[in-house]
């Protein structure tokens, strides 16, 4: 209780990148979406203050794991028909790093993960995303046809800090609420959280004598 929730930092980077793409092409509409309780509209307002155009809250009182989340976003994808889905590479509480990959697979569209640079290009009437992604051995450049799912890494950008006028403007932006049951998504999660506990306290060291 009495905890203040924040937007997942990787998702904040995703919103910032969408805003930067819109600054290059004003015809783009940015729709931000989240799954959770009514109070999660506060985090949606944060995304709208950064520069999102409208929001969608998929309302549920129960916890949602990566598997169930990707089923929800699949439904939203078919409703909104976006050219590009930008998501954080992982949540900082569960660190699962699964939702983006699951969504792309479910939709049978291209994906590019761990993006550190994104450029939208057009070749022969086909929109593509050229993505520099971070791999174990260095940087990899890939091109994917749109629609696609891209997940963001820390080095993609530094999210802007919303000014007071931006925050005030965000309060007038539209947020649609839909109950998760209306989407026909199963209630069962694949992962069950059975509890939380503090890590063990670090034990004090001991002095050892030399040989």
N, C-alpha and C. Protein backbone atom coordinates (compact mmCIF):
# COMPACT_ATOMS: atom_id res chain seq x y z
N UNK A 1 0.84 -1.19 0.00
CA UNK A 1 0.00 0.00 0.00
C UNK A 1 0.88 1.25 0.00
N UNK A 2 0.27 2.35 -0.42
CA UNK A 2 0.96 3.65 -0.43
C UNK A 2 2.20 3.66 -1.32
N UNK A 3 2.23 2.78 -2.32
CA UNK A 3 3.33 2.79 -3.28
C UNK A 3 2.94 3.62 -4.49
N UNK A 4 3.88 4.34 -5.04
CA UNK A 4 3.63 5.10 -6.26
C UNK A 4 4.20 4.32 -7.43
N UNK A 5 3.34 3.94 -8.35
CA UNK A 5 3.78 3.17 -9.51
C UNK A 5 4.27 4.12 -10.60
N UNK A 6 5.23 3.65 -11.38
CA UNK A 6 5.77 4.43 -12.48
C UNK A 6 5.62 3.65 -13.78
N UNK A 7 5.75 4.35 -14.89
CA UNK A 7 5.79 3.67 -16.17
C UNK A 7 7.08 2.87 -16.26
N UNK A 8 6.98 1.66 -16.82
CA UNK A 8 8.18 0.85 -17.02
C UNK A 8 9.19 1.66 -17.85
N UNK A 9 10.42 1.84 -17.38
CA UNK A 9 11.39 2.70 -18.09
C UNK A 9 11.62 2.30 -19.55
N UNK A 10 11.63 1.00 -19.85
CA UNK A 10 11.81 0.58 -21.24
C UNK A 10 10.61 1.01 -22.10
N UNK A 11 9.41 0.97 -21.52
CA UNK A 11 8.23 1.43 -22.26
C UNK A 11 8.24 2.95 -22.42
N UNK A 12 8.80 3.64 -21.44
CA UNK A 12 8.94 5.09 -21.55
C UNK A 12 9.85 5.44 -22.74
N UNK A 13 10.90 4.65 -22.92
CA UNK A 13 11.78 4.83 -24.07
C UNK A 13 11.02 4.57 -25.36
N UNK A 14 10.13 3.56 -25.34
CA UNK A 14 9.32 3.24 -26.52
C UNK A 14 8.40 4.40 -26.89
N UNK A 15 7.78 5.02 -25.88
CA UNK A 15 6.90 6.17 -26.14
C UNK A 15 7.70 7.33 -26.71
N UNK A 16 8.86 7.60 -26.12
CA UNK A 16 9.71 8.68 -26.60
C UNK A 16 10.10 8.46 -28.05
N UNK A 17 10.43 7.21 -28.41
CA UNK A 17 10.83 6.93 -29.80
C UNK A 17 9.65 7.15 -30.75
N UNK A 18 8.44 6.78 -30.32
CA UNK A 18 7.26 7.02 -31.15
C UNK A 18 7.06 8.51 -31.38
N UNK A 19 7.28 9.32 -30.34
CA UNK A 19 7.14 10.77 -30.46
C UNK A 19 8.17 11.32 -31.43
N UNK A 20 9.40 10.81 -31.37
CA UNK A 20 10.45 11.28 -32.28
C UNK A 20 10.12 10.92 -33.73
N UNK A 21 9.51 9.75 -33.94
CA UNK A 21 9.09 9.38 -35.29
C UNK A 21 7.98 10.32 -35.78
N UNK A 22 7.08 10.71 -34.87
CA UNK A 22 6.00 11.62 -35.24
C UNK A 22 6.53 13.02 -35.56
N UNK A 23 7.60 13.40 -34.88
CA UNK A 23 8.20 14.71 -35.17
C UNK A 23 8.76 14.77 -36.59
N UNK A 24 9.08 13.60 -37.15
CA UNK A 24 9.54 13.54 -38.54
C UNK A 24 8.38 13.40 -39.52
N UNK A 25 7.24 12.90 -39.05
CA UNK A 25 6.07 12.67 -39.89
C UNK A 25 4.82 12.97 -39.07
N UNK A 26 4.26 14.15 -39.25
CA UNK A 26 3.14 14.61 -38.43
C UNK A 26 1.85 13.82 -38.65
N UNK A 27 1.81 13.00 -39.70
CA UNK A 27 0.60 12.21 -39.96
C UNK A 27 0.48 11.01 -39.03
N UNK A 28 1.53 10.71 -38.30
CA UNK A 28 1.53 9.55 -37.40
C UNK A 28 0.64 9.82 -36.20
N UNK A 29 -0.14 8.81 -35.80
CA UNK A 29 -0.91 8.86 -34.56
C UNK A 29 -0.29 7.87 -33.58
N UNK A 30 -0.07 8.34 -32.36
CA UNK A 30 0.53 7.49 -31.33
C UNK A 30 -0.56 7.06 -30.35
N UNK A 31 -0.78 5.77 -30.28
CA UNK A 31 -1.76 5.19 -29.35
C UNK A 31 -1.00 4.40 -28.30
N UNK A 32 -1.16 4.75 -27.04
CA UNK A 32 -0.49 4.04 -25.95
C UNK A 32 -1.51 3.15 -25.25
N UNK A 33 -1.06 1.97 -24.82
CA UNK A 33 -1.98 1.02 -24.20
C UNK A 33 -1.32 0.35 -23.01
N UNK A 34 -2.13 0.04 -22.00
CA UNK A 34 -1.63 -0.70 -20.85
C UNK A 34 -2.74 -1.58 -20.30
N UNK A 35 -2.36 -2.55 -19.50
CA UNK A 35 -3.30 -3.50 -18.92
C UNK A 35 -3.23 -3.38 -17.41
N UNK A 36 -4.38 -3.20 -16.75
CA UNK A 36 -4.36 -3.14 -15.30
C UNK A 36 -5.59 -2.48 -14.71
N UNK A 37 -5.44 -1.98 -13.51
CA UNK A 37 -6.54 -1.40 -12.75
C UNK A 37 -6.87 0.01 -13.25
N UNK A 38 -7.98 0.54 -12.76
CA UNK A 38 -8.41 1.88 -13.14
C UNK A 38 -7.34 2.92 -12.83
N UNK A 39 -6.60 2.69 -11.74
CA UNK A 39 -5.57 3.65 -11.33
C UNK A 39 -4.42 3.73 -12.32
N UNK A 40 -4.32 2.76 -13.24
CA UNK A 40 -3.22 2.76 -14.21
C UNK A 40 -3.38 3.87 -15.25
N UNK A 41 -4.51 4.55 -15.23
CA UNK A 41 -4.66 5.69 -16.14
C UNK A 41 -3.61 6.77 -15.84
N UNK A 42 -3.09 6.77 -14.61
CA UNK A 42 -2.06 7.74 -14.26
C UNK A 42 -0.81 7.52 -15.10
N UNK A 43 -0.44 6.24 -15.31
CA UNK A 43 0.72 5.95 -16.14
C UNK A 43 0.43 6.24 -17.61
N UNK A 44 -0.82 6.01 -18.03
CA UNK A 44 -1.19 6.38 -19.40
C UNK A 44 -1.08 7.88 -19.60
N UNK A 45 -1.50 8.65 -18.61
CA UNK A 45 -1.39 10.11 -18.70
C UNK A 45 0.08 10.53 -18.80
N UNK A 46 0.97 9.80 -18.14
CA UNK A 46 2.39 10.11 -18.24
C UNK A 46 2.86 9.93 -19.67
N UNK A 47 2.40 8.84 -20.32
CA UNK A 47 2.77 8.58 -21.72
C UNK A 47 2.17 9.63 -22.65
N UNK A 48 0.95 10.06 -22.35
CA UNK A 48 0.30 11.10 -23.16
C UNK A 48 1.01 12.44 -22.98
N UNK A 49 1.54 12.68 -21.79
CA UNK A 49 2.27 13.93 -21.54
C UNK A 49 3.58 13.96 -22.34
N UNK A 50 4.19 12.80 -22.54
CA UNK A 50 5.41 12.75 -23.35
C UNK A 50 5.10 13.09 -24.80
N UNK A 51 3.88 12.71 -25.25
CA UNK A 51 3.52 13.03 -26.63
C UNK A 51 2.56 12.07 -27.29
N UNK A 52 2.05 11.09 -26.53
CA UNK A 52 1.04 10.19 -27.09
C UNK A 52 -0.24 10.94 -27.42
N UNK A 53 -0.99 10.45 -28.42
CA UNK A 53 -2.21 11.13 -28.85
C UNK A 53 -3.45 10.65 -28.10
N UNK A 54 -3.55 9.37 -27.84
CA UNK A 54 -4.67 8.84 -27.07
C UNK A 54 -4.24 7.53 -26.42
N UNK A 55 -5.04 7.11 -25.45
CA UNK A 55 -4.66 5.92 -24.69
C UNK A 55 -5.77 4.89 -24.63
N UNK A 56 -5.37 3.66 -24.34
CA UNK A 56 -6.32 2.56 -24.15
C UNK A 56 -5.94 1.84 -22.86
N UNK A 57 -6.89 1.73 -21.95
CA UNK A 57 -6.70 0.96 -20.72
C UNK A 57 -7.50 -0.33 -20.83
N UNK A 58 -6.82 -1.46 -20.82
CA UNK A 58 -7.50 -2.75 -20.78
C UNK A 58 -7.60 -3.11 -19.31
N UNK A 59 -8.82 -3.02 -18.79
CA UNK A 59 -9.03 -3.06 -17.34
C UNK A 59 -9.14 -4.48 -16.81
N UNK A 60 -8.38 -4.75 -15.76
CA UNK A 60 -8.47 -6.01 -15.03
C UNK A 60 -7.92 -5.79 -13.64
N UNK A 61 -8.49 -6.51 -12.67
CA UNK A 61 -8.02 -6.41 -11.30
C UNK A 61 -6.98 -7.48 -10.99
N UNK A 62 -6.83 -8.45 -11.86
CA UNK A 62 -5.90 -9.56 -11.61
C UNK A 62 -4.56 -9.30 -12.25
N UNK A 63 -3.55 -10.01 -11.78
CA UNK A 63 -2.20 -9.90 -12.35
C UNK A 63 -2.20 -10.48 -13.77
N UNK A 64 -1.33 -9.94 -14.61
CA UNK A 64 -1.24 -10.38 -16.00
C UNK A 64 0.21 -10.73 -16.31
N UNK A 65 0.44 -11.96 -16.75
CA UNK A 65 1.80 -12.36 -17.13
C UNK A 65 2.04 -12.08 -18.60
N UNK A 66 3.23 -12.38 -19.08
CA UNK A 66 3.60 -12.08 -20.46
C UNK A 66 2.70 -12.79 -21.46
N UNK A 67 2.36 -14.04 -21.17
CA UNK A 67 1.55 -14.81 -22.11
C UNK A 67 0.16 -14.18 -22.27
N UNK A 68 -0.46 -13.85 -21.17
CA UNK A 68 -1.80 -13.27 -21.23
C UNK A 68 -1.74 -11.86 -21.83
N UNK A 69 -0.66 -11.13 -21.53
CA UNK A 69 -0.51 -9.77 -22.07
C UNK A 69 -0.45 -9.79 -23.59
N UNK A 70 0.28 -10.75 -24.16
CA UNK A 70 0.41 -10.76 -25.62
C UNK A 70 -0.91 -11.11 -26.29
N UNK A 71 -1.76 -11.89 -25.61
CA UNK A 71 -3.08 -12.19 -26.15
C UNK A 71 -3.96 -10.94 -26.16
N UNK A 72 -3.82 -10.13 -25.11
CA UNK A 72 -4.57 -8.88 -25.03
C UNK A 72 -4.13 -7.93 -26.14
N UNK A 73 -2.82 -7.76 -26.29
CA UNK A 73 -2.31 -6.83 -27.30
C UNK A 73 -2.58 -7.31 -28.72
N UNK A 74 -2.72 -8.63 -28.89
CA UNK A 74 -3.12 -9.14 -30.20
C UNK A 74 -4.51 -8.60 -30.57
N UNK A 75 -5.42 -8.62 -29.60
CA UNK A 75 -6.78 -8.11 -29.84
C UNK A 75 -6.75 -6.61 -30.16
N UNK A 76 -5.95 -5.86 -29.40
CA UNK A 76 -5.84 -4.42 -29.62
C UNK A 76 -5.22 -4.15 -30.99
N UNK A 77 -4.24 -4.96 -31.40
CA UNK A 77 -3.61 -4.80 -32.70
C UNK A 77 -4.65 -4.92 -33.82
N UNK A 78 -5.51 -5.92 -33.73
CA UNK A 78 -6.51 -6.13 -34.77
C UNK A 78 -7.55 -4.99 -34.78
N UNK A 79 -7.80 -4.39 -33.62
CA UNK A 79 -8.74 -3.26 -33.55
C UNK A 79 -8.12 -2.00 -34.15
N UNK A 80 -6.87 -1.73 -33.81
CA UNK A 80 -6.22 -0.47 -34.19
C UNK A 80 -5.50 -0.54 -35.54
N UNK A 81 -5.06 -1.75 -35.91
CA UNK A 81 -4.33 -1.96 -37.17
C UNK A 81 -3.13 -0.99 -37.32
N UNK A 82 -2.21 -1.00 -36.38
CA UNK A 82 -1.06 -0.08 -36.45
C UNK A 82 -0.03 -0.55 -37.47
N UNK A 83 0.76 0.40 -37.96
CA UNK A 83 1.89 0.06 -38.84
C UNK A 83 3.08 -0.45 -38.02
N UNK A 84 3.17 0.01 -36.79
CA UNK A 84 4.34 -0.34 -35.98
C UNK A 84 3.94 -0.42 -34.50
N UNK A 85 4.41 -1.48 -33.84
CA UNK A 85 4.24 -1.64 -32.40
C UNK A 85 5.61 -1.49 -31.75
N UNK A 86 5.76 -0.51 -30.88
CA UNK A 86 7.02 -0.32 -30.16
C UNK A 86 6.78 -0.62 -28.68
N UNK A 87 7.54 -1.53 -28.14
CA UNK A 87 7.38 -1.95 -26.75
C UNK A 87 8.73 -1.95 -26.05
N UNK A 88 8.71 -1.81 -24.73
CA UNK A 88 9.93 -2.01 -23.97
C UNK A 88 10.38 -3.46 -24.09
N UNK A 89 11.69 -3.68 -24.04
CA UNK A 89 12.18 -5.05 -24.23
C UNK A 89 11.79 -5.96 -23.07
N UNK A 90 11.57 -5.38 -21.89
CA UNK A 90 11.19 -6.18 -20.73
C UNK A 90 10.61 -5.27 -19.66
N UNK A 91 9.89 -5.89 -18.73
CA UNK A 91 9.41 -5.15 -17.56
C UNK A 91 10.48 -5.23 -16.48
N UNK A 92 10.62 -4.17 -15.69
CA UNK A 92 11.70 -4.17 -14.70
C UNK A 92 11.33 -4.90 -13.42
N UNK A 93 10.06 -5.35 -13.30
CA UNK A 93 9.73 -6.14 -12.11
C UNK A 93 9.91 -7.64 -12.36
N UNK A 94 9.40 -8.13 -13.50
CA UNK A 94 9.54 -9.56 -13.79
C UNK A 94 10.76 -9.89 -14.65
N UNK A 95 11.24 -8.90 -15.45
CA UNK A 95 12.39 -9.10 -16.33
C UNK A 95 12.20 -10.25 -17.31
N UNK A 96 10.96 -10.54 -17.70
CA UNK A 96 10.70 -11.73 -18.52
C UNK A 96 11.22 -11.60 -19.95
N UNK A 97 11.09 -10.40 -20.55
CA UNK A 97 11.55 -10.20 -21.93
C UNK A 97 10.86 -11.20 -22.86
N UNK A 98 9.51 -11.20 -22.85
CA UNK A 98 8.77 -12.18 -23.65
C UNK A 98 7.64 -11.58 -24.47
N UNK A 99 7.00 -10.52 -23.97
CA UNK A 99 5.74 -10.08 -24.56
C UNK A 99 5.87 -9.67 -26.02
N UNK A 100 6.90 -8.90 -26.35
CA UNK A 100 7.08 -8.46 -27.73
C UNK A 100 7.27 -9.62 -28.68
N UNK A 101 8.11 -10.58 -28.28
CA UNK A 101 8.37 -11.74 -29.13
C UNK A 101 7.11 -12.60 -29.30
N UNK A 102 6.38 -12.79 -28.21
CA UNK A 102 5.14 -13.57 -28.27
C UNK A 102 4.12 -12.90 -29.18
N UNK A 103 4.02 -11.58 -29.08
CA UNK A 103 3.06 -10.84 -29.90
C UNK A 103 3.39 -10.96 -31.38
N UNK A 104 4.65 -10.75 -31.74
CA UNK A 104 5.05 -10.85 -33.14
C UNK A 104 4.78 -12.25 -33.69
N UNK A 105 5.06 -13.25 -32.88
CA UNK A 105 4.83 -14.63 -33.32
C UNK A 105 3.34 -14.90 -33.51
N UNK A 106 2.53 -14.42 -32.57
CA UNK A 106 1.08 -14.64 -32.65
C UNK A 106 0.50 -13.95 -33.88
N UNK A 107 1.01 -12.77 -34.21
CA UNK A 107 0.50 -12.01 -35.36
C UNK A 107 1.15 -12.42 -36.68
N UNK A 108 2.21 -13.23 -36.59
CA UNK A 108 2.97 -13.65 -37.78
C UNK A 108 3.50 -12.44 -38.55
N UNK A 109 4.07 -11.49 -37.79
CA UNK A 109 4.71 -10.33 -38.40
C UNK A 109 6.17 -10.27 -37.96
N UNK A 110 6.94 -9.39 -38.61
CA UNK A 110 8.37 -9.30 -38.30
C UNK A 110 8.60 -8.69 -36.92
N UNK A 111 9.78 -8.95 -36.38
CA UNK A 111 10.16 -8.35 -35.11
C UNK A 111 11.63 -7.99 -35.13
N UNK A 112 11.98 -6.95 -34.35
CA UNK A 112 13.37 -6.56 -34.14
C UNK A 112 13.50 -6.19 -32.66
N UNK A 113 14.33 -6.92 -31.93
CA UNK A 113 14.42 -6.74 -30.49
C UNK A 113 15.68 -5.98 -30.10
N UNK A 114 15.66 -5.42 -28.89
CA UNK A 114 16.82 -4.72 -28.31
C UNK A 114 17.31 -3.58 -29.19
N UNK A 115 16.39 -2.78 -29.70
CA UNK A 115 16.75 -1.72 -30.64
C UNK A 115 17.50 -0.59 -29.95
N UNK A 116 18.62 -0.18 -30.57
CA UNK A 116 19.36 0.99 -30.09
C UNK A 116 19.29 2.14 -31.10
N UNK A 117 18.69 1.88 -32.29
CA UNK A 117 18.46 2.93 -33.29
C UNK A 117 17.37 2.44 -34.24
N UNK A 118 16.43 3.32 -34.56
CA UNK A 118 15.32 2.98 -35.46
C UNK A 118 15.18 4.04 -36.53
N UNK A 119 15.14 3.62 -37.78
CA UNK A 119 14.85 4.52 -38.90
C UNK A 119 13.73 3.89 -39.73
N UNK A 120 12.74 4.71 -40.09
CA UNK A 120 11.67 4.24 -40.97
C UNK A 120 12.00 4.67 -42.39
N UNK A 121 12.03 3.71 -43.30
CA UNK A 121 12.38 3.98 -44.69
C UNK A 121 11.29 3.44 -45.60
N UNK A 122 11.26 3.93 -46.83
CA UNK A 122 10.29 3.46 -47.81
C UNK A 122 11.02 3.03 -49.07
N UNK A 123 10.79 1.79 -49.45
CA UNK A 123 11.41 1.24 -50.65
C UNK A 123 10.34 0.58 -51.51
N UNK A 124 10.15 1.08 -52.72
CA UNK A 124 9.19 0.53 -53.66
C UNK A 124 7.80 0.37 -53.01
N UNK A 125 7.34 1.48 -52.43
CA UNK A 125 6.01 1.54 -51.79
C UNK A 125 5.86 0.61 -50.59
N UNK A 126 6.96 0.13 -50.06
CA UNK A 126 6.93 -0.72 -48.87
C UNK A 126 7.62 0.00 -47.71
N UNK A 127 6.89 0.23 -46.62
CA UNK A 127 7.50 0.81 -45.43
C UNK A 127 8.32 -0.24 -44.71
N UNK A 128 9.53 0.16 -44.30
CA UNK A 128 10.42 -0.73 -43.58
C UNK A 128 11.00 -0.02 -42.37
N UNK A 129 11.42 -0.79 -41.41
CA UNK A 129 12.16 -0.26 -40.27
C UNK A 129 13.58 -0.80 -40.33
N UNK A 130 14.55 0.12 -40.35
CA UNK A 130 15.96 -0.30 -40.27
C UNK A 130 16.38 -0.14 -38.81
N UNK A 131 16.73 -1.23 -38.20
CA UNK A 131 16.97 -1.25 -36.75
C UNK A 131 18.39 -1.71 -36.46
N UNK A 132 19.09 -0.92 -35.66
CA UNK A 132 20.37 -1.37 -35.11
C UNK A 132 20.06 -1.95 -33.74
N UNK A 133 20.40 -3.20 -33.57
CA UNK A 133 20.07 -3.90 -32.32
C UNK A 133 21.33 -4.38 -31.63
N UNK A 134 21.25 -4.47 -30.33
CA UNK A 134 22.39 -4.88 -29.54
C UNK A 134 22.41 -6.40 -29.40
N UNK A 135 23.50 -7.01 -29.86
CA UNK A 135 23.67 -8.45 -29.76
C UNK A 135 24.89 -8.74 -28.89
N UNK A 136 25.08 -10.02 -28.57
CA UNK A 136 26.17 -10.38 -27.67
C UNK A 136 27.53 -9.98 -28.24
N UNK A 137 27.69 -10.10 -29.56
CA UNK A 137 28.99 -9.82 -30.16
C UNK A 137 29.17 -8.40 -30.63
N UNK A 138 28.18 -7.53 -30.43
CA UNK A 138 28.29 -6.15 -30.89
C UNK A 138 26.95 -5.64 -31.37
N UNK A 139 26.94 -4.92 -32.49
CA UNK A 139 25.72 -4.34 -33.03
C UNK A 139 25.34 -5.04 -34.34
N UNK A 140 24.05 -5.27 -34.50
CA UNK A 140 23.54 -5.92 -35.70
C UNK A 140 22.50 -5.01 -36.34
N UNK A 141 22.56 -4.82 -37.65
CA UNK A 141 21.57 -4.01 -38.37
C UNK A 141 20.63 -4.93 -39.13
N UNK A 142 19.34 -4.76 -38.92
CA UNK A 142 18.34 -5.57 -39.60
C UNK A 142 17.30 -4.64 -40.23
N UNK A 143 16.66 -5.11 -41.29
CA UNK A 143 15.53 -4.40 -41.89
C UNK A 143 14.31 -5.31 -41.86
N UNK A 144 13.20 -4.76 -41.42
CA UNK A 144 11.95 -5.53 -41.35
C UNK A 144 10.84 -4.76 -42.03
N UNK A 145 10.01 -5.46 -42.76
CA UNK A 145 8.84 -4.84 -43.37
C UNK A 145 7.82 -4.52 -42.29
N UNK A 146 7.09 -3.43 -42.48
CA UNK A 146 6.01 -3.08 -41.56
C UNK A 146 4.70 -3.68 -42.08
N UNK A 147 3.80 -4.07 -41.20
CA UNK A 147 3.83 -3.90 -39.74
C UNK A 147 4.85 -4.82 -39.07
N UNK A 148 5.34 -4.35 -37.93
CA UNK A 148 6.34 -5.12 -37.19
C UNK A 148 6.27 -4.74 -35.71
N UNK A 149 6.91 -5.57 -34.90
CA UNK A 149 7.06 -5.30 -33.47
C UNK A 149 8.53 -5.01 -33.21
N UNK A 150 8.80 -3.88 -32.56
CA UNK A 150 10.16 -3.52 -32.17
C UNK A 150 10.21 -3.34 -30.66
N UNK A 151 11.21 -3.93 -30.02
CA UNK A 151 11.37 -3.74 -28.57
C UNK A 151 12.62 -2.89 -28.33
N UNK A 152 12.54 -2.02 -27.35
CA UNK A 152 13.55 -0.98 -27.15
C UNK A 152 14.57 -1.34 -26.08
N UNK A 153 15.81 -0.92 -26.32
CA UNK A 153 16.87 -1.07 -25.33
C UNK A 153 17.17 0.29 -24.71
N UNK A 154 17.99 0.29 -23.67
CA UNK A 154 18.25 1.52 -22.92
C UNK A 154 18.92 2.60 -23.75
N UNK A 155 19.77 2.23 -24.70
CA UNK A 155 20.56 3.21 -25.43
C UNK A 155 19.84 3.78 -26.63
N UNK A 156 18.56 3.48 -26.80
CA UNK A 156 17.82 4.01 -27.94
C UNK A 156 17.64 5.52 -27.83
N UNK A 157 17.28 6.01 -26.65
CA UNK A 157 17.09 7.45 -26.47
C UNK A 157 17.02 7.78 -24.98
N UNK A 158 16.92 9.07 -24.69
CA UNK A 158 16.66 9.54 -23.33
C UNK A 158 15.30 10.22 -23.32
N UNK A 159 14.30 9.62 -22.67
CA UNK A 159 12.94 10.20 -22.68
C UNK A 159 12.93 11.63 -22.15
N UNK A 160 12.14 12.47 -22.80
CA UNK A 160 12.01 13.86 -22.37
C UNK A 160 11.23 13.93 -21.06
N UNK A 161 11.48 15.00 -20.33
CA UNK A 161 10.74 15.23 -19.08
C UNK A 161 9.55 16.12 -19.41
N UNK A 162 8.32 15.65 -19.16
CA UNK A 162 7.14 16.46 -19.52
C UNK A 162 7.10 17.78 -18.75
N UNK A 163 6.87 18.86 -19.47
CA UNK A 163 6.73 20.17 -18.84
C UNK A 163 5.30 20.33 -18.32
N UNK A 164 5.07 21.36 -17.54
CA UNK A 164 3.74 21.60 -16.98
C UNK A 164 2.67 21.74 -18.07
N UNK A 165 2.94 22.51 -19.15
CA UNK A 165 1.94 22.60 -20.23
C UNK A 165 1.64 21.24 -20.88
N UNK A 166 2.68 20.39 -21.02
CA UNK A 166 2.48 19.06 -21.59
C UNK A 166 1.59 18.21 -20.69
N UNK A 167 1.80 18.31 -19.39
CA UNK A 167 0.99 17.54 -18.43
C UNK A 167 -0.46 18.01 -18.46
N UNK A 168 -0.66 19.34 -18.50
CA UNK A 168 -2.02 19.89 -18.55
C UNK A 168 -2.72 19.46 -19.83
N UNK A 169 -2.01 19.50 -20.94
CA UNK A 169 -2.58 19.10 -22.23
C UNK A 169 -2.96 17.63 -22.24
N UNK A 170 -2.17 16.79 -21.54
CA UNK A 170 -2.43 15.35 -21.52
C UNK A 170 -3.74 15.01 -20.82
N UNK A 171 -4.16 15.86 -19.90
CA UNK A 171 -5.40 15.61 -19.15
C UNK A 171 -6.64 15.72 -20.04
N UNK A 172 -6.49 16.37 -21.19
CA UNK A 172 -7.62 16.53 -22.10
C UNK A 172 -7.64 15.46 -23.19
N UNK A 173 -6.59 14.64 -23.22
CA UNK A 173 -6.51 13.61 -24.26
C UNK A 173 -7.38 12.41 -23.92
N UNK A 174 -7.84 11.74 -24.93
CA UNK A 174 -8.80 10.65 -24.79
C UNK A 174 -8.13 9.37 -24.28
N UNK A 175 -8.78 8.74 -23.29
CA UNK A 175 -8.39 7.40 -22.84
C UNK A 175 -9.63 6.52 -22.88
N UNK A 176 -9.60 5.49 -23.71
CA UNK A 176 -10.70 4.53 -23.80
C UNK A 176 -10.43 3.38 -22.85
N UNK A 177 -11.47 2.92 -22.18
CA UNK A 177 -11.36 1.80 -21.25
C UNK A 177 -12.17 0.62 -21.75
N UNK A 178 -11.55 -0.54 -21.80
CA UNK A 178 -12.23 -1.76 -22.20
C UNK A 178 -11.93 -2.83 -21.16
N UNK A 179 -12.96 -3.58 -20.77
CA UNK A 179 -12.76 -4.66 -19.81
C UNK A 179 -12.10 -5.84 -20.50
N UNK A 180 -11.15 -6.45 -19.83
CA UNK A 180 -10.41 -7.55 -20.45
C UNK A 180 -11.33 -8.69 -20.86
N UNK A 181 -12.45 -8.87 -20.12
CA UNK A 181 -13.40 -9.94 -20.46
C UNK A 181 -14.06 -9.69 -21.82
N UNK A 182 -14.22 -8.42 -22.18
CA UNK A 182 -14.86 -8.09 -23.45
C UNK A 182 -14.00 -8.49 -24.64
N UNK A 183 -12.71 -8.69 -24.41
CA UNK A 183 -11.81 -9.05 -25.50
C UNK A 183 -11.78 -10.56 -25.73
N UNK A 184 -12.40 -11.31 -24.82
CA UNK A 184 -12.41 -12.76 -24.98
C UNK A 184 -11.08 -13.42 -24.69
N UNK A 185 -10.27 -12.80 -23.82
CA UNK A 185 -8.97 -13.36 -23.46
C UNK A 185 -9.12 -14.21 -22.21
N UNK A 186 -8.54 -15.39 -22.22
CA UNK A 186 -8.63 -16.30 -21.08
C UNK A 186 -8.07 -15.65 -19.82
N UNK A 187 -8.67 -15.96 -18.68
CA UNK A 187 -8.28 -15.36 -17.42
C UNK A 187 -7.04 -16.01 -16.82
N UNK A 188 -6.71 -17.22 -17.23
CA UNK A 188 -5.62 -17.94 -16.60
C UNK A 188 -4.26 -17.45 -17.07
N UNK A 189 -3.35 -17.23 -16.11
CA UNK A 189 -1.97 -16.91 -16.43
C UNK A 189 -1.16 -18.20 -16.54
N UNK A 190 -0.09 -18.15 -17.32
CA UNK A 190 0.82 -19.30 -17.40
C UNK A 190 1.78 -19.32 -16.21
N UNK A 191 2.01 -18.12 -15.61
CA UNK A 191 2.93 -17.99 -14.49
C UNK A 191 2.16 -17.52 -13.27
N UNK A 192 2.40 -18.17 -12.14
CA UNK A 192 1.75 -17.77 -10.89
C UNK A 192 2.80 -17.23 -9.93
N UNK A 193 2.57 -16.04 -9.42
CA UNK A 193 3.45 -15.45 -8.41
C UNK A 193 2.96 -15.92 -7.04
N UNK A 194 3.80 -16.66 -6.35
CA UNK A 194 3.37 -17.25 -5.08
C UNK A 194 3.78 -16.40 -3.89
N UNK A 195 4.65 -15.41 -4.08
CA UNK A 195 5.00 -14.56 -2.95
C UNK A 195 6.22 -13.71 -3.23
N UNK A 196 6.48 -12.77 -2.35
CA UNK A 196 7.65 -11.90 -2.42
C UNK A 196 8.40 -11.97 -1.11
N UNK A 197 9.69 -11.81 -1.15
CA UNK A 197 10.47 -11.77 0.08
C UNK A 197 11.72 -10.94 -0.14
N UNK A 198 12.23 -10.38 0.94
CA UNK A 198 13.46 -9.61 0.86
C UNK A 198 14.64 -10.56 0.65
N UNK A 199 15.67 -10.12 -0.05
CA UNK A 199 16.87 -10.97 -0.17
C UNK A 199 17.53 -11.12 1.20
N UNK A 200 18.29 -12.18 1.34
CA UNK A 200 18.98 -12.42 2.61
C UNK A 200 19.97 -11.29 2.88
N UNK A 201 20.06 -10.93 4.15
CA UNK A 201 21.01 -9.89 4.52
C UNK A 201 22.44 -10.40 4.32
N UNK A 202 23.27 -9.51 3.87
CA UNK A 202 24.67 -9.88 3.62
C UNK A 202 25.37 -10.17 4.94
N UNK A 203 26.04 -11.29 4.98
CA UNK A 203 26.75 -11.66 6.22
C UNK A 203 28.08 -10.91 6.29
N UNK A 204 28.50 -10.62 7.47
CA UNK A 204 29.75 -9.91 7.66
C UNK A 204 30.94 -10.82 7.29
N UNK A 205 31.98 -10.21 6.81
CA UNK A 205 33.15 -10.97 6.41
C UNK A 205 33.99 -11.40 7.61
N UNK A 206 34.94 -12.27 7.34
CA UNK A 206 35.84 -12.73 8.40
C UNK A 206 37.29 -12.48 7.97
N UNK A 207 38.16 -12.34 8.94
CA UNK A 207 39.58 -12.17 8.65
C UNK A 207 40.24 -13.53 8.61
N UNK A 208 41.09 -13.72 7.64
CA UNK A 208 41.82 -14.98 7.56
C UNK A 208 43.31 -14.68 7.68
N UNK A 209 44.01 -15.58 8.27
CA UNK A 209 45.45 -15.38 8.43
C UNK A 209 46.19 -15.89 7.22
N UNK A 210 47.34 -15.30 6.93
CA UNK A 210 48.14 -15.74 5.79
C UNK A 210 48.87 -17.03 6.18
N UNK A 211 49.31 -17.75 5.17
CA UNK A 211 50.01 -19.02 5.43
C UNK A 211 51.41 -18.77 5.98
